Amino acid sequence: MTLRDADEGKEYIIRRIEVDDDELSSFLFSLGCYSGEAVTVIQHIKGGCIVAIKDGRYNIDNQLAEAIVI
């Protein structure tokens, strides 16, 4: 299952991130988005979703939400 399919308000553990771009992978890691980390979908919006990772909230698009496997 990916973040795009996740229920709002439920905490999940990231299993893996499926991106081919090393720069994007490094950016996600700097946000705290990596395997084994907890993530919560706050709200699904038209173009993506708002997620809480560690102490931050981020708006990610649907393409990136599909790449984060929970």
N, C-alpha and C. Protein backbone atom coordinates (compact mmCIF):
# COMPACT_ATOMS: atom_id res chain seq x y z
N MET A 1 0.85 -1.17 0.00
CA MET A 1 0.00 0.00 0.00
C MET A 1 0.90 1.24 0.00
N THR A 2 0.44 2.30 -0.62
CA THR A 2 1.20 3.55 -0.67
C THR A 2 0.50 4.63 0.14
N LEU A 3 1.16 5.76 0.31
CA LEU A 3 0.56 6.87 1.05
C LEU A 3 -0.71 7.37 0.38
N ARG A 4 -0.80 7.24 -0.92
CA ARG A 4 -2.00 7.70 -1.63
C ARG A 4 -3.23 6.91 -1.20
N ASP A 5 -3.04 5.66 -0.80
CA ASP A 5 -4.14 4.79 -0.39
C ASP A 5 -4.39 4.80 1.12
N ALA A 6 -3.55 5.50 1.87
CA ALA A 6 -3.60 5.47 3.33
C ALA A 6 -4.84 6.20 3.87
N ASP A 7 -5.28 5.76 5.04
CA ASP A 7 -6.39 6.41 5.74
C ASP A 7 -5.89 7.65 6.46
N GLU A 8 -6.72 8.68 6.46
CA GLU A 8 -6.37 9.92 7.16
C GLU A 8 -6.36 9.69 8.66
N GLY A 9 -5.37 10.27 9.34
CA GLY A 9 -5.28 10.22 10.79
C GLY A 9 -4.66 8.97 11.36
N LYS A 10 -4.26 8.03 10.52
CA LYS A 10 -3.66 6.78 10.99
C LYS A 10 -2.15 6.82 10.76
N GLU A 11 -1.41 6.35 11.75
CA GLU A 11 0.05 6.33 11.64
C GLU A 11 0.52 5.05 10.96
N TYR A 12 1.45 5.20 10.04
CA TYR A 12 2.01 4.07 9.31
C TYR A 12 3.54 4.11 9.42
N ILE A 13 4.16 2.98 9.17
CA ILE A 13 5.62 2.90 9.12
C ILE A 13 6.03 2.76 7.66
N ILE A 14 6.98 3.58 7.24
CA ILE A 14 7.45 3.55 5.86
C ILE A 14 8.26 2.26 5.65
N ARG A 15 7.88 1.46 4.67
CA ARG A 15 8.61 0.23 4.35
C ARG A 15 9.76 0.51 3.39
N ARG A 16 9.46 1.29 2.36
CA ARG A 16 10.51 1.65 1.39
C ARG A 16 10.03 2.84 0.57
N ILE A 17 10.99 3.45 -0.11
CA ILE A 17 10.69 4.58 -0.99
C ILE A 17 11.22 4.20 -2.37
N GLU A 18 10.34 4.22 -3.35
CA GLU A 18 10.68 3.79 -4.70
C GLU A 18 10.86 4.99 -5.62
N VAL A 19 12.04 5.60 -5.56
CA VAL A 19 12.37 6.72 -6.45
C VAL A 19 13.70 6.42 -7.13
N ASP A 20 13.82 6.85 -8.38
CA ASP A 20 15.04 6.63 -9.15
C ASP A 20 16.02 7.79 -9.02
N ASP A 21 15.55 8.92 -8.56
CA ASP A 21 16.34 10.14 -8.48
C ASP A 21 17.08 10.22 -7.14
N ASP A 22 18.40 10.19 -7.17
CA ASP A 22 19.19 10.25 -5.93
C ASP A 22 19.00 11.57 -5.19
N GLU A 23 18.83 12.65 -5.93
CA GLU A 23 18.63 13.96 -5.31
C GLU A 23 17.31 13.99 -4.55
N LEU A 24 16.27 13.44 -5.13
CA LEU A 24 14.96 13.38 -4.48
C LEU A 24 15.02 12.47 -3.26
N SER A 25 15.71 11.36 -3.38
CA SER A 25 15.87 10.45 -2.26
C SER A 25 16.59 11.13 -1.10
N SER A 26 17.63 11.89 -1.39
CA SER A 26 18.37 12.63 -0.36
C SER A 26 17.50 13.70 0.29
N PHE A 27 16.69 14.37 -0.53
CA PHE A 27 15.78 15.40 0.00
C PHE A 27 14.77 14.78 0.97
N LEU A 28 14.18 13.66 0.57
CA LEU A 28 13.21 12.99 1.44
C LEU A 28 13.87 12.54 2.74
N PHE A 29 15.09 12.05 2.65
CA PHE A 29 15.83 11.64 3.84
C PHE A 29 16.04 12.83 4.77
N SER A 30 16.33 13.99 4.21
CA SER A 30 16.55 15.18 5.04
C SER A 30 15.28 15.62 5.76
N LEU A 31 14.12 15.27 5.20
CA LEU A 31 12.84 15.57 5.85
C LEU A 31 12.49 14.55 6.93
N GLY A 32 13.22 13.44 6.95
CA GLY A 32 12.92 12.38 7.89
C GLY A 32 12.08 11.28 7.29
N CYS A 33 11.95 11.27 5.98
CA CYS A 33 11.14 10.30 5.26
C CYS A 33 12.04 9.19 4.74
N TYR A 34 12.14 8.10 5.50
CA TYR A 34 12.98 6.96 5.12
C TYR A 34 12.41 5.70 5.75
N SER A 35 12.89 4.56 5.31
CA SER A 35 12.39 3.27 5.80
C SER A 35 12.48 3.18 7.32
N GLY A 36 11.39 2.69 7.91
CA GLY A 36 11.35 2.52 9.36
C GLY A 36 10.79 3.71 10.11
N GLU A 37 10.59 4.83 9.44
CA GLU A 37 10.09 6.05 10.09
C GLU A 37 8.56 6.07 10.05
N ALA A 38 7.95 6.64 11.08
CA ALA A 38 6.50 6.77 11.15
C ALA A 38 6.04 7.96 10.33
N VAL A 39 4.89 7.81 9.67
CA VAL A 39 4.29 8.88 8.89
C VAL A 39 2.77 8.82 9.07
N THR A 40 2.15 9.98 9.15
CA THR A 40 0.70 10.07 9.30
C THR A 40 0.14 10.93 8.18
N VAL A 41 -0.90 10.43 7.50
CA VAL A 41 -1.58 11.24 6.49
C VAL A 41 -2.59 12.11 7.23
N ILE A 42 -2.39 13.40 7.17
CA ILE A 42 -3.29 14.35 7.83
C ILE A 42 -4.55 14.55 7.00
N GLN A 43 -4.36 14.75 5.68
CA GLN A 43 -5.50 15.02 4.82
C GLN A 43 -5.14 14.71 3.37
N HIS A 44 -6.09 14.11 2.66
CA HIS A 44 -5.95 13.94 1.21
C HIS A 44 -6.53 15.18 0.54
N ILE A 45 -5.79 15.73 -0.40
CA ILE A 45 -6.25 16.88 -1.15
C ILE A 45 -6.22 16.55 -2.63
N LYS A 46 -6.73 17.43 -3.45
CA LYS A 46 -6.88 17.14 -4.88
C LYS A 46 -5.60 16.67 -5.55
N GLY A 47 -4.50 17.34 -5.34
CA GLY A 47 -3.26 17.00 -6.04
C GLY A 47 -2.32 16.11 -5.26
N GLY A 48 -2.68 15.69 -4.07
CA GLY A 48 -1.78 14.88 -3.26
C GLY A 48 -2.30 14.70 -1.85
N CYS A 49 -1.40 14.88 -0.87
CA CYS A 49 -1.82 14.75 0.52
C CYS A 49 -0.88 15.53 1.43
N ILE A 50 -1.39 15.81 2.61
CA ILE A 50 -0.60 16.47 3.64
C ILE A 50 -0.22 15.39 4.64
N VAL A 51 1.09 15.29 4.93
CA VAL A 51 1.58 14.25 5.83
C VAL A 51 2.36 14.87 6.98
N ALA A 52 2.38 14.15 8.08
CA ALA A 52 3.19 14.55 9.24
C ALA A 52 4.32 13.53 9.37
N ILE A 53 5.55 14.04 9.33
CA ILE A 53 6.74 13.23 9.52
C ILE A 53 7.57 13.90 10.59
N LYS A 54 7.85 13.16 11.66
CA LYS A 54 8.55 13.72 12.82
C LYS A 54 7.81 14.96 13.30
N ASP A 55 8.46 16.12 13.35
CA ASP A 55 7.82 17.33 13.86
C ASP A 55 7.29 18.24 12.76
N GLY A 56 7.31 17.80 11.51
CA GLY A 56 6.90 18.66 10.40
C GLY A 56 5.70 18.13 9.65
N ARG A 57 5.04 19.06 8.97
CA ARG A 57 3.93 18.71 8.07
C ARG A 57 4.32 19.13 6.67
N TYR A 58 4.06 18.24 5.72
CA TYR A 58 4.48 18.49 4.34
C TYR A 58 3.34 18.16 3.38
N ASN A 59 3.28 18.91 2.30
CA ASN A 59 2.33 18.66 1.23
C ASN A 59 3.08 17.94 0.12
N ILE A 60 2.68 16.72 -0.19
CA ILE A 60 3.34 15.97 -1.25
C ILE A 60 2.34 15.66 -2.35
N ASP A 61 2.82 15.62 -3.58
CA ASP A 61 1.92 15.35 -4.70
C ASP A 61 1.64 13.85 -4.82
N ASN A 62 0.65 13.51 -5.65
CA ASN A 62 0.24 12.13 -5.79
C ASN A 62 1.35 11.23 -6.32
N GLN A 63 2.19 11.73 -7.20
CA GLN A 63 3.27 10.94 -7.75
C GLN A 63 4.25 10.50 -6.66
N LEU A 64 4.60 11.43 -5.79
CA LEU A 64 5.50 11.09 -4.68
C LEU A 64 4.79 10.21 -3.66
N ALA A 65 3.52 10.45 -3.42
CA ALA A 65 2.76 9.61 -2.49
C ALA A 65 2.71 8.17 -2.97
N GLU A 66 2.67 7.96 -4.28
CA GLU A 66 2.70 6.61 -4.85
C GLU A 66 4.06 5.95 -4.66
N ALA A 67 5.11 6.71 -4.51
CA ALA A 67 6.46 6.17 -4.37
C ALA A 67 6.80 5.77 -2.93
N ILE A 68 6.00 6.21 -1.98
CA ILE A 68 6.26 5.90 -0.57
C ILE A 68 5.38 4.72 -0.17
N VAL A 69 6.01 3.57 0.03
CA VAL A 69 5.30 2.34 0.34
C VAL A 69 5.25 2.17 1.85
N ILE A 70 4.03 1.92 2.34
CA ILE A 70 3.82 1.75 3.79
C ILE A 70 3.33 0.35 4.10
